[in-house]
């Protein structure tokens, strides 16, 4: 009987550990030319967005792209252009998931988009400060806001350092770092 209890307890512990692992949020390491940033993603709150982001990560899409738009006191944006500001071909746009309860607070990752709420593809930004004006307010063109799908867990100092780089205009683009800030890679980590 004692052996049976030990076996049942072991099986139960294994099952609980497996469920716990399966339910944990994925984490990514964003390796940049200015340092490393770790972020936790929230697939329960933004399932389509996280799946989309991870598809790009798993295909090494972000490797060699840059943070092309940096505004101190606001956010850093990247994931769609190289150092010459040439856009990389993307997957199809995804449906907005901004009505998920997550807010655009300091250190959160959110999807960049055009004026069309359902236009996000690969570009994302990291908030340098709380930006409540980017939060979901209503299902209207002006009220959709921007989908938050993750948060920096390590390396916020790197994000802030990127936010302080000197910027200028390049072609039709403004707020471009004068020295490119390269995304060396983004990888899923355990």
N, C-alpha and C. Protein backbone atom coordinates (compact mmCIF):
# COMPACT_ATOMS: atom_id res chain seq x y z
N UNK A 1 0.82 -1.20 0.00
CA UNK A 1 0.00 0.00 0.00
C UNK A 1 0.86 1.27 0.00
N UNK A 2 1.96 1.21 0.78
CA UNK A 2 2.86 2.35 0.85
C UNK A 2 3.48 2.65 -0.52
N UNK A 3 3.87 1.58 -1.25
CA UNK A 3 4.44 1.75 -2.58
C UNK A 3 3.42 2.37 -3.54
N UNK A 4 2.16 1.95 -3.41
CA UNK A 4 1.10 2.50 -4.25
C UNK A 4 0.91 3.99 -3.97
N UNK A 5 0.95 4.40 -2.73
CA UNK A 5 0.80 5.81 -2.36
C UNK A 5 1.96 6.64 -2.92
N UNK A 6 3.17 6.07 -2.83
CA UNK A 6 4.33 6.77 -3.37
C UNK A 6 4.19 6.93 -4.89
N UNK A 7 3.75 5.87 -5.56
CA UNK A 7 3.56 5.92 -7.01
C UNK A 7 2.50 6.96 -7.39
N UNK A 8 1.37 6.95 -6.69
CA UNK A 8 0.28 7.90 -6.96
C UNK A 8 0.77 9.33 -6.71
N UNK A 9 1.47 9.53 -5.61
CA UNK A 9 1.99 10.87 -5.29
C UNK A 9 2.97 11.33 -6.36
N UNK A 10 3.86 10.45 -6.81
CA UNK A 10 4.82 10.79 -7.86
C UNK A 10 4.12 11.16 -9.15
N UNK A 11 3.12 10.37 -9.54
CA UNK A 11 2.37 10.66 -10.76
C UNK A 11 1.63 11.99 -10.66
N UNK A 12 1.05 12.24 -9.49
CA UNK A 12 0.32 13.48 -9.27
C UNK A 12 1.27 14.68 -9.35
N UNK A 13 2.44 14.58 -8.74
CA UNK A 13 3.42 15.67 -8.77
C UNK A 13 3.90 15.91 -10.20
N UNK A 14 4.14 14.84 -10.95
CA UNK A 14 4.57 14.96 -12.34
C UNK A 14 3.49 15.66 -13.16
N UNK A 15 2.25 15.27 -12.96
CA UNK A 15 1.14 15.88 -13.69
C UNK A 15 1.01 17.37 -13.35
N UNK A 16 1.14 17.69 -12.07
CA UNK A 16 1.03 19.10 -11.66
C UNK A 16 2.16 19.92 -12.25
N UNK A 17 3.37 19.38 -12.24
CA UNK A 17 4.51 20.10 -12.82
C UNK A 17 4.31 20.30 -14.32
N UNK A 18 3.80 19.30 -15.01
CA UNK A 18 3.57 19.40 -16.45
C UNK A 18 2.53 20.45 -16.76
N UNK A 19 1.44 20.48 -15.98
CA UNK A 19 0.39 21.48 -16.18
C UNK A 19 0.95 22.86 -15.91
N UNK A 20 1.73 23.00 -14.84
CA UNK A 20 2.31 24.29 -14.49
C UNK A 20 3.24 24.77 -15.61
N UNK A 21 4.07 23.87 -16.14
CA UNK A 21 4.99 24.25 -17.21
C UNK A 21 4.22 24.64 -18.47
N UNK A 22 3.19 23.86 -18.79
CA UNK A 22 2.41 24.12 -20.01
C UNK A 22 1.69 25.47 -19.93
N UNK A 23 1.36 25.90 -18.71
CA UNK A 23 0.61 27.14 -18.56
C UNK A 23 1.50 28.36 -18.36
N UNK A 24 2.80 28.16 -18.26
CA UNK A 24 3.68 29.30 -18.04
C UNK A 24 3.76 30.15 -19.32
N UNK A 25 3.95 31.43 -19.13
CA UNK A 25 4.03 32.34 -20.26
C UNK A 25 5.39 32.21 -20.95
N UNK A 26 5.40 32.24 -22.29
CA UNK A 26 6.69 32.18 -22.99
C UNK A 26 7.50 33.45 -22.72
N UNK A 27 8.82 33.28 -22.76
CA UNK A 27 9.73 34.42 -22.59
C UNK A 27 10.64 34.49 -23.81
N UNK A 28 11.02 35.71 -24.14
CA UNK A 28 11.94 35.91 -25.26
C UNK A 28 13.13 36.74 -24.80
N UNK A 29 14.26 36.52 -25.48
CA UNK A 29 15.45 37.32 -25.27
C UNK A 29 15.66 38.16 -26.53
N UNK A 30 15.60 39.47 -26.35
CA UNK A 30 15.84 40.41 -27.45
C UNK A 30 17.28 40.87 -27.31
N UNK A 31 18.14 40.38 -28.19
CA UNK A 31 19.55 40.71 -28.14
C UNK A 31 19.80 41.87 -29.11
N UNK A 32 20.20 43.02 -28.56
CA UNK A 32 20.40 44.22 -29.38
C UNK A 32 21.87 44.64 -29.36
N UNK A 33 22.20 45.56 -30.22
CA UNK A 33 23.56 46.10 -30.26
C UNK A 33 23.88 46.93 -29.01
N UNK A 34 22.88 47.21 -28.19
CA UNK A 34 23.09 47.98 -26.96
C UNK A 34 22.88 47.15 -25.70
N UNK A 35 22.62 45.85 -25.85
CA UNK A 35 22.43 44.99 -24.69
C UNK A 35 21.24 44.07 -24.87
N UNK A 36 20.97 43.29 -23.83
CA UNK A 36 19.90 42.29 -23.90
C UNK A 36 18.68 42.70 -23.08
N UNK A 37 17.51 42.30 -23.61
CA UNK A 37 16.22 42.58 -22.98
C UNK A 37 15.46 41.26 -22.91
N UNK A 38 14.97 40.90 -21.75
CA UNK A 38 14.10 39.73 -21.63
C UNK A 38 12.67 40.21 -21.45
N UNK A 39 11.74 39.50 -22.07
CA UNK A 39 10.33 39.87 -21.96
C UNK A 39 9.47 38.63 -21.83
N UNK A 40 8.43 38.75 -21.04
CA UNK A 40 7.42 37.70 -20.88
C UNK A 40 6.24 38.07 -21.77
N UNK A 41 5.70 37.06 -22.46
CA UNK A 41 4.56 37.28 -23.36
C UNK A 41 3.29 36.74 -22.71
N UNK A 42 2.14 37.29 -23.10
CA UNK A 42 0.86 36.94 -22.48
C UNK A 42 -0.13 36.32 -23.47
N UNK A 43 0.05 35.03 -23.79
CA UNK A 43 -0.82 34.39 -24.78
C UNK A 43 -2.28 34.25 -24.34
N UNK A 44 -2.54 34.24 -23.06
CA UNK A 44 -3.94 34.14 -22.61
C UNK A 44 -4.68 35.45 -22.85
N UNK A 45 -3.98 36.57 -22.78
CA UNK A 45 -4.60 37.88 -22.98
C UNK A 45 -4.60 38.31 -24.44
N UNK A 46 -3.59 37.88 -25.18
CA UNK A 46 -3.45 38.30 -26.59
C UNK A 46 -2.99 37.10 -27.42
N UNK A 47 -3.82 36.08 -27.56
CA UNK A 47 -3.39 34.83 -28.21
C UNK A 47 -2.97 34.99 -29.67
N UNK A 48 -3.71 35.74 -30.46
CA UNK A 48 -3.37 35.92 -31.88
C UNK A 48 -2.07 36.72 -32.00
N UNK A 49 -1.95 37.75 -31.19
CA UNK A 49 -0.77 38.61 -31.24
C UNK A 49 0.49 37.86 -30.84
N UNK A 50 0.43 37.10 -29.74
CA UNK A 50 1.59 36.34 -29.29
C UNK A 50 1.95 35.27 -30.32
N UNK A 51 0.95 34.58 -30.86
CA UNK A 51 1.22 33.57 -31.89
C UNK A 51 1.90 34.22 -33.10
N UNK A 52 1.43 35.38 -33.51
CA UNK A 52 2.00 36.12 -34.63
C UNK A 52 3.45 36.50 -34.33
N UNK A 53 3.70 37.10 -33.17
CA UNK A 53 5.05 37.53 -32.78
C UNK A 53 6.00 36.34 -32.74
N UNK A 54 5.55 35.23 -32.14
CA UNK A 54 6.40 34.04 -32.04
C UNK A 54 6.67 33.41 -33.41
N UNK A 55 5.74 33.55 -34.35
CA UNK A 55 5.99 33.05 -35.71
C UNK A 55 7.16 33.81 -36.32
N UNK A 56 7.19 35.12 -36.14
CA UNK A 56 8.32 35.92 -36.63
C UNK A 56 9.61 35.53 -35.90
N UNK A 57 9.53 35.39 -34.57
CA UNK A 57 10.70 35.01 -33.78
C UNK A 57 11.25 33.67 -34.25
N UNK A 58 10.37 32.67 -34.37
CA UNK A 58 10.81 31.32 -34.73
C UNK A 58 11.38 31.24 -36.14
N UNK A 59 10.98 32.16 -37.01
CA UNK A 59 11.52 32.22 -38.37
C UNK A 59 12.74 33.14 -38.48
N UNK A 60 13.21 33.65 -37.33
CA UNK A 60 14.38 34.54 -37.26
C UNK A 60 14.20 35.81 -38.10
N UNK A 61 12.95 36.22 -38.24
CA UNK A 61 12.60 37.39 -39.04
C UNK A 61 13.28 38.66 -38.53
N UNK A 62 13.35 38.82 -37.19
CA UNK A 62 13.85 40.06 -36.61
C UNK A 62 15.37 40.21 -36.67
N UNK A 63 16.08 39.14 -36.95
CA UNK A 63 17.54 39.17 -36.96
C UNK A 63 18.06 40.23 -37.93
N UNK A 64 18.82 41.19 -37.42
CA UNK A 64 19.43 42.21 -38.26
C UNK A 64 18.56 43.44 -38.51
N UNK A 65 17.32 43.44 -38.04
CA UNK A 65 16.48 44.63 -38.19
C UNK A 65 16.86 45.64 -37.11
N UNK A 66 16.23 46.79 -37.11
CA UNK A 66 16.62 47.86 -36.18
C UNK A 66 15.41 48.42 -35.43
N UNK A 67 15.72 49.14 -34.35
CA UNK A 67 14.74 50.02 -33.73
C UNK A 67 14.83 51.31 -34.55
N UNK A 68 13.85 51.53 -35.40
CA UNK A 68 13.91 52.62 -36.37
C UNK A 68 13.24 53.90 -35.89
N UNK A 69 12.52 53.82 -34.79
CA UNK A 69 11.81 55.01 -34.27
C UNK A 69 11.98 55.04 -32.76
N UNK A 70 12.64 56.07 -32.28
CA UNK A 70 12.95 56.18 -30.85
C UNK A 70 12.55 57.58 -30.38
N UNK A 71 11.65 57.62 -29.40
CA UNK A 71 11.21 58.90 -28.86
C UNK A 71 11.36 58.84 -27.34
N UNK A 72 12.37 59.55 -26.83
CA UNK A 72 12.62 59.58 -25.40
C UNK A 72 11.36 60.09 -24.67
N UNK A 73 11.03 59.44 -23.57
CA UNK A 73 9.83 59.81 -22.82
C UNK A 73 8.56 59.24 -23.41
N UNK A 74 8.68 58.36 -24.42
CA UNK A 74 7.51 57.76 -25.05
C UNK A 74 7.74 56.27 -25.30
N UNK A 75 8.48 55.91 -26.36
CA UNK A 75 8.66 54.49 -26.68
C UNK A 75 9.80 54.30 -27.67
N UNK A 76 10.21 53.00 -27.83
CA UNK A 76 11.15 52.60 -28.88
C UNK A 76 10.42 51.60 -29.77
N UNK A 77 10.54 51.76 -31.08
CA UNK A 77 9.80 50.93 -32.03
C UNK A 77 10.75 50.27 -33.02
N UNK A 78 10.50 49.00 -33.31
CA UNK A 78 11.32 48.28 -34.28
C UNK A 78 10.61 47.06 -34.81
N UNK A 79 11.39 46.25 -35.53
CA UNK A 79 10.86 44.98 -35.99
C UNK A 79 10.30 44.96 -37.39
N UNK A 80 10.64 45.95 -38.20
CA UNK A 80 10.11 45.94 -39.56
C UNK A 80 11.06 46.45 -40.61
N UNK A 81 12.14 47.12 -40.18
CA UNK A 81 13.05 47.75 -41.15
C UNK A 81 14.50 47.43 -40.83
N UNK A 82 15.32 47.50 -41.89
CA UNK A 82 16.76 47.33 -41.70
C UNK A 82 17.38 48.71 -41.47
N UNK A 83 18.70 48.76 -41.36
CA UNK A 83 19.39 50.02 -41.07
C UNK A 83 19.22 51.07 -42.16
N UNK A 84 18.92 50.63 -43.38
CA UNK A 84 18.67 51.57 -44.48
C UNK A 84 17.21 51.98 -44.55
N UNK A 85 16.43 51.53 -43.56
CA UNK A 85 14.99 51.80 -43.45
C UNK A 85 14.19 51.19 -44.59
N UNK A 86 14.68 50.09 -45.10
CA UNK A 86 13.93 49.30 -46.08
C UNK A 86 13.05 48.33 -45.30
N UNK A 87 11.75 48.32 -45.64
CA UNK A 87 10.83 47.42 -44.95
C UNK A 87 11.02 45.99 -45.43
N UNK A 88 10.92 45.07 -44.50
CA UNK A 88 11.02 43.65 -44.81
C UNK A 88 9.60 43.12 -45.04
N UNK A 89 9.42 42.24 -46.01
CA UNK A 89 8.11 41.66 -46.29
C UNK A 89 7.60 40.89 -45.07
N UNK A 90 6.32 41.06 -44.78
CA UNK A 90 5.72 40.48 -43.57
C UNK A 90 4.62 39.47 -43.90
N UNK A 91 4.15 38.83 -42.85
CA UNK A 91 2.95 38.00 -42.95
C UNK A 91 1.74 38.92 -43.06
N UNK A 92 0.57 38.35 -43.21
CA UNK A 92 -0.65 39.15 -43.27
C UNK A 92 -0.92 39.85 -41.94
N UNK A 93 -1.59 41.01 -41.97
CA UNK A 93 -1.95 41.70 -40.73
C UNK A 93 -2.86 40.83 -39.85
N UNK A 94 -2.85 41.15 -38.56
CA UNK A 94 -3.66 40.39 -37.60
C UNK A 94 -4.77 41.27 -37.02
N UNK A 95 -5.74 40.60 -36.44
CA UNK A 95 -6.87 41.27 -35.79
C UNK A 95 -6.40 41.89 -34.47
N UNK A 96 -6.84 43.10 -34.21
CA UNK A 96 -6.45 43.79 -32.99
C UNK A 96 -7.03 43.09 -31.76
N UNK A 97 -6.24 43.04 -30.69
CA UNK A 97 -6.67 42.42 -29.42
C UNK A 97 -6.44 43.38 -28.25
N UNK A 98 -6.64 44.66 -28.49
CA UNK A 98 -6.34 45.67 -27.46
C UNK A 98 -7.33 45.67 -26.31
N UNK A 99 -8.50 45.08 -26.50
CA UNK A 99 -9.51 45.04 -25.43
C UNK A 99 -9.28 43.80 -24.55
N UNK A 100 -8.05 43.69 -24.03
CA UNK A 100 -7.68 42.50 -23.27
C UNK A 100 -7.36 42.79 -21.81
N UNK A 101 -7.55 44.02 -21.38
CA UNK A 101 -7.30 44.39 -19.99
C UNK A 101 -5.88 44.84 -19.71
N UNK A 102 -4.97 44.61 -20.66
CA UNK A 102 -3.58 45.03 -20.46
C UNK A 102 -3.43 46.49 -20.86
N UNK A 103 -2.61 47.21 -20.13
CA UNK A 103 -2.42 48.65 -20.36
C UNK A 103 -1.02 48.93 -20.90
N UNK A 104 -0.88 50.02 -21.61
CA UNK A 104 0.41 50.48 -22.14
C UNK A 104 1.18 51.19 -21.03
N UNK A 105 1.72 50.39 -20.11
CA UNK A 105 2.50 50.92 -19.00
C UNK A 105 3.98 50.76 -19.30
N UNK A 106 4.80 51.40 -18.51
CA UNK A 106 6.26 51.36 -18.69
C UNK A 106 6.73 49.91 -18.79
N UNK A 107 7.50 49.63 -19.84
CA UNK A 107 8.09 48.30 -20.00
C UNK A 107 7.24 47.30 -20.75
N UNK A 108 6.01 47.68 -21.13
CA UNK A 108 5.18 46.73 -21.87
C UNK A 108 5.52 46.76 -23.36
N UNK A 109 5.32 45.59 -23.99
CA UNK A 109 5.47 45.46 -25.44
C UNK A 109 4.09 45.55 -26.06
N UNK A 110 3.96 46.30 -27.13
CA UNK A 110 2.69 46.44 -27.84
C UNK A 110 2.96 46.42 -29.34
N UNK A 111 1.93 46.08 -30.09
CA UNK A 111 2.06 46.03 -31.55
C UNK A 111 1.87 47.41 -32.15
N UNK A 112 2.78 47.75 -33.06
CA UNK A 112 2.63 48.98 -33.85
C UNK A 112 1.66 48.68 -34.99
N UNK A 113 1.02 49.71 -35.48
CA UNK A 113 0.06 49.54 -36.57
C UNK A 113 -0.14 50.86 -37.27
N UNK A 114 -0.90 50.85 -38.36
CA UNK A 114 -1.28 52.08 -39.04
C UNK A 114 -2.58 52.58 -38.42
N UNK A 115 -3.25 53.50 -39.07
CA UNK A 115 -4.53 53.99 -38.56
C UNK A 115 -5.62 52.92 -38.60
N UNK A 116 -5.40 51.87 -39.38
CA UNK A 116 -6.32 50.73 -39.43
C UNK A 116 -6.04 49.85 -38.20
N UNK A 117 -7.02 49.68 -37.31
CA UNK A 117 -6.78 48.88 -36.10
C UNK A 117 -6.31 47.45 -36.38
N UNK A 118 -6.68 46.90 -37.51
CA UNK A 118 -6.33 45.52 -37.85
C UNK A 118 -5.18 45.44 -38.84
N UNK A 119 -4.16 46.28 -38.64
CA UNK A 119 -3.05 46.34 -39.60
C UNK A 119 -1.70 45.91 -39.02
N UNK A 120 -1.65 45.47 -37.76
CA UNK A 120 -0.37 45.07 -37.16
C UNK A 120 0.21 43.85 -37.87
N UNK A 121 1.51 43.89 -38.09
CA UNK A 121 2.21 42.74 -38.69
C UNK A 121 3.39 42.37 -37.80
N UNK A 122 4.56 42.90 -38.07
CA UNK A 122 5.77 42.51 -37.32
C UNK A 122 6.27 43.59 -36.36
N UNK A 123 5.96 44.85 -36.63
CA UNK A 123 6.54 45.92 -35.82
C UNK A 123 5.90 45.98 -34.44
N UNK A 124 6.76 46.21 -33.45
CA UNK A 124 6.31 46.31 -32.06
C UNK A 124 7.03 47.49 -31.42
N UNK A 125 6.54 47.90 -30.25
CA UNK A 125 7.23 48.95 -29.51
C UNK A 125 7.25 48.59 -28.04
N UNK A 126 8.20 49.20 -27.34
CA UNK A 126 8.32 49.03 -25.89
C UNK A 126 8.10 50.40 -25.28
N UNK A 127 7.13 50.49 -24.39
CA UNK A 127 6.80 51.76 -23.74
C UNK A 127 7.89 52.16 -22.75
N UNK A 128 8.38 53.39 -22.87
CA UNK A 128 9.38 53.92 -21.93
C UNK A 128 8.74 54.49 -20.69
N UNK A 129 7.48 54.84 -20.77
CA UNK A 129 6.70 55.40 -19.66
C UNK A 129 5.28 54.86 -19.78
N UNK A 130 4.46 55.15 -18.78
CA UNK A 130 3.03 54.82 -18.89
C UNK A 130 2.43 55.70 -19.98
N UNK A 131 1.74 55.07 -20.93
CA UNK A 131 1.12 55.79 -22.04
C UNK A 131 -0.38 55.44 -22.11
N UNK A 132 -1.17 55.94 -21.14
CA UNK A 132 -2.59 55.58 -21.11
C UNK A 132 -3.38 55.99 -22.34
N UNK A 133 -2.92 56.99 -23.07
CA UNK A 133 -3.63 57.42 -24.29
C UNK A 133 -3.55 56.36 -25.39
N UNK A 134 -2.68 55.34 -25.22
CA UNK A 134 -2.58 54.24 -26.19
C UNK A 134 -3.46 53.05 -25.81
N UNK A 135 -4.12 53.13 -24.66
CA UNK A 135 -4.95 52.02 -24.18
C UNK A 135 -6.29 51.94 -24.90
N UNK A 136 -6.86 50.74 -24.90
CA UNK A 136 -8.21 50.53 -25.46
C UNK A 136 -9.21 51.35 -24.67
N UNK A 137 -10.13 52.01 -25.38
CA UNK A 137 -11.20 52.77 -24.75
C UNK A 137 -12.58 52.39 -25.27
N UNK A 138 -12.65 52.11 -26.59
CA UNK A 138 -13.93 51.78 -27.21
C UNK A 138 -13.67 51.13 -28.56
N UNK A 139 -14.65 50.36 -29.07
CA UNK A 139 -14.48 49.72 -30.39
C UNK A 139 -14.75 50.69 -31.54
N UNK A 140 -13.97 51.78 -31.55
CA UNK A 140 -14.08 52.79 -32.60
C UNK A 140 -12.68 53.04 -33.15
N UNK A 141 -12.57 53.65 -34.30
CA UNK A 141 -11.27 53.93 -34.90
C UNK A 141 -10.36 54.69 -33.93
N UNK A 142 -10.94 55.64 -33.21
CA UNK A 142 -10.14 56.44 -32.27
C UNK A 142 -9.95 55.76 -30.92
N UNK A 143 -10.75 54.73 -30.64
CA UNK A 143 -10.72 54.15 -29.30
C UNK A 143 -10.04 52.81 -29.15
N UNK A 144 -9.63 52.19 -30.27
CA UNK A 144 -9.05 50.85 -30.19
C UNK A 144 -7.73 50.80 -29.43
N UNK A 145 -6.91 51.81 -29.56
CA UNK A 145 -5.61 51.78 -28.90
C UNK A 145 -4.68 50.77 -29.55
N UNK A 146 -3.71 50.29 -28.76
CA UNK A 146 -2.66 49.40 -29.27
C UNK A 146 -2.57 48.16 -28.38
N UNK A 147 -2.44 47.00 -29.00
CA UNK A 147 -2.46 45.72 -28.29
C UNK A 147 -1.18 45.49 -27.52
N UNK A 148 -1.30 45.43 -26.19
CA UNK A 148 -0.21 45.04 -25.32
C UNK A 148 -0.19 43.51 -25.29
N UNK A 149 1.02 42.93 -25.42
CA UNK A 149 1.11 41.47 -25.44
C UNK A 149 2.28 40.92 -24.62
N UNK A 150 3.02 41.80 -23.93
CA UNK A 150 4.13 41.32 -23.12
C UNK A 150 4.71 42.43 -22.27
N UNK A 151 5.72 42.07 -21.47
CA UNK A 151 6.35 43.04 -20.57
C UNK A 151 7.81 42.67 -20.37
N UNK A 152 8.65 43.69 -20.32
CA UNK A 152 10.07 43.50 -20.05
C UNK A 152 10.22 42.99 -18.61
N UNK A 153 10.99 41.91 -18.45
CA UNK A 153 11.26 41.36 -17.12
C UNK A 153 12.71 41.59 -16.69
N UNK A 154 13.60 41.77 -17.65
CA UNK A 154 15.01 42.10 -17.39
C UNK A 154 15.49 42.98 -18.52
N UNK A 155 16.37 43.93 -18.18
CA UNK A 155 16.96 44.76 -19.23
C UNK A 155 16.23 46.06 -19.51
N UNK A 156 15.40 46.50 -18.56
CA UNK A 156 14.72 47.78 -18.78
C UNK A 156 15.76 48.90 -18.88
N UNK A 157 16.91 48.72 -18.25
CA UNK A 157 17.99 49.71 -18.37
C UNK A 157 18.47 49.82 -19.82
N UNK A 158 18.46 48.70 -20.54
CA UNK A 158 18.84 48.70 -21.96
C UNK A 158 17.78 49.45 -22.77
N UNK A 159 16.52 49.18 -22.48
CA UNK A 159 15.42 49.88 -23.17
C UNK A 159 15.56 51.39 -22.96
N UNK A 160 15.82 51.79 -21.71
CA UNK A 160 15.96 53.21 -21.40
C UNK A 160 17.19 53.82 -22.09
N UNK A 161 18.27 53.04 -22.17
CA UNK A 161 19.49 53.51 -22.86
C UNK A 161 19.19 53.73 -24.35
N UNK A 162 18.44 52.81 -24.95
CA UNK A 162 18.04 52.98 -26.36
C UNK A 162 17.18 54.25 -26.50
N UNK A 163 16.31 54.47 -25.52
CA UNK A 163 15.45 55.65 -25.55
C UNK A 163 16.19 56.97 -25.52
N UNK A 164 17.45 56.94 -25.10
CA UNK A 164 18.25 58.17 -24.98
C UNK A 164 19.18 58.43 -26.17
N UNK A 165 19.18 57.54 -27.17
CA UNK A 165 20.10 57.75 -28.30
C UNK A 165 19.71 59.00 -29.08
N UNK A 166 20.70 59.58 -29.74
CA UNK A 166 20.44 60.76 -30.57
C UNK A 166 19.69 60.31 -31.82
N UNK A 167 18.69 61.10 -32.20
CA UNK A 167 17.87 60.77 -33.36
C UNK A 167 17.80 61.95 -34.32
N UNK A 168 17.32 61.66 -35.52
CA UNK A 168 17.14 62.69 -36.52
C UNK A 168 16.22 62.18 -37.62
N UNK A 169 16.21 62.85 -38.72
CA UNK A 169 15.39 62.46 -39.86
C UNK A 169 16.24 61.71 -40.87
N UNK A 170 15.62 60.75 -41.52
CA UNK A 170 16.28 60.00 -42.59
C UNK A 170 15.21 59.74 -43.64
N UNK A 171 15.32 60.40 -44.78
CA UNK A 171 14.27 60.29 -45.79
C UNK A 171 12.97 60.84 -45.24
N UNK A 172 11.92 60.03 -45.35
CA UNK A 172 10.60 60.44 -44.85
C UNK A 172 10.40 60.08 -43.38
N UNK A 173 11.39 59.47 -42.77
CA UNK A 173 11.27 58.99 -41.40
C UNK A 173 11.88 59.97 -40.40
N UNK A 174 11.17 60.15 -39.30
CA UNK A 174 11.66 60.99 -38.21
C UNK A 174 11.96 60.12 -37.00
N UNK A 175 12.70 60.69 -36.04
CA UNK A 175 13.03 60.01 -34.78
C UNK A 175 13.84 58.74 -35.01
N UNK A 176 14.69 58.77 -36.05
CA UNK A 176 15.53 57.63 -36.41
C UNK A 176 16.86 57.74 -35.66
N UNK A 177 17.30 56.69 -34.95
CA UNK A 177 18.62 56.76 -34.31
C UNK A 177 19.71 57.08 -35.33
N UNK A 178 20.58 58.03 -34.99
CA UNK A 178 21.66 58.42 -35.89
C UNK A 178 22.67 57.29 -36.05
N UNK A 179 22.86 56.51 -34.99
CA UNK A 179 23.64 55.28 -35.06
C UNK A 179 22.64 54.14 -34.92
N UNK A 180 22.53 53.26 -35.91
CA UNK A 180 21.51 52.21 -35.85
C UNK A 180 21.59 51.36 -34.57
N UNK A 181 20.41 51.08 -34.01
CA UNK A 181 20.29 50.17 -32.87
C UNK A 181 19.74 48.87 -33.44
N UNK A 182 20.61 47.90 -33.58
CA UNK A 182 20.28 46.66 -34.27
C UNK A 182 19.69 45.62 -33.33
N UNK A 183 18.66 44.94 -33.83
CA UNK A 183 18.14 43.75 -33.16
C UNK A 183 18.97 42.59 -33.72
N UNK A 184 19.93 42.13 -32.94
CA UNK A 184 20.77 41.02 -33.41
C UNK A 184 19.92 39.77 -33.59
N UNK A 185 19.06 39.51 -32.60
CA UNK A 185 18.16 38.36 -32.67
C UNK A 185 17.10 38.48 -31.60
N UNK A 186 16.01 37.74 -31.81
CA UNK A 186 15.02 37.52 -30.76
C UNK A 186 14.79 36.02 -30.73
N UNK A 187 14.94 35.42 -29.55
CA UNK A 187 14.78 33.99 -29.39
C UNK A 187 13.90 33.68 -28.19
N UNK A 188 13.16 32.57 -28.29
CA UNK A 188 12.40 32.07 -27.15
C UNK A 188 13.39 31.47 -26.17
N UNK A 189 13.20 31.77 -24.89
CA UNK A 189 14.04 31.20 -23.84
C UNK A 189 13.15 30.47 -22.84
N UNK A 190 13.75 29.63 -22.05
CA UNK A 190 12.98 28.88 -21.04
C UNK A 190 12.81 29.69 -19.79
